[in-house]
Amino acid sequence: MLVFFMMGDLNIAANLPPVKGGILPPIRLPIPKDPIEKSYLGLSGEGSFGLPQIKAKVVIIEIFSLYCPVCVKLAPGMKELYQLIENAPDLKAKIKLIGIGAGNTPLEVQTFKNICDTPFPLFPDKDFAIHEAIGDVRTPYFIGIKIHESGTHEIFYSETGGFKDANTFLESVLAISGIK
């Protein structure tokens, strides 16, 4: 069954993977309680937030699962990607990483974070609501969005599978997103 949501002049089809040039359906995530993660995302207060509220020009979203062996194998590369960004003064404020655990409870997400030593914020999607809204994609799945000053966003990257080299992936993100 295909369901359409109307958002302004843009139709978003549910149960289809995110499309380059499109937007994601409205996704609300809990503001992290950890002050370091909250600061990393540029958020304040409590409650929930939408992806365009993250203080960055680009957000890379990894859809993962504790039970995905490829996701676990990719975790060191994700940590390296995070460190490459955080160690580059010209990129640190421009690019942020988050992970969404498809079908994972808060405990499973925390277990993944601990086992894989993940330094960026991870969020549970225990009932698969976000996972379904973005097309029941396979894990790992990567979505890159550019956040506009108007508070809107645009998908510039939408691919399943991992990457072999964090440097090459980062260079690709920079080229495709157009940020420097």
Foldseek 3Di string as FASTA:
>chain_A
DWDWDDDPPDIAIFQEADDFFAAADWDKFWQDPPPVQNVQQPHDDTDIDTPLSRQAQKEKEWEAALPDPLCLVCLVLQQVLLVVQCVDPQRSRHYAYEYEHQLDDPVRQVVSCVSSVHPHYYGYPNVRPSCRSNNVDDPGWIWMWGRDPVSGIGTQDTGHGHDDHSVVVVVVSCVSSVHD
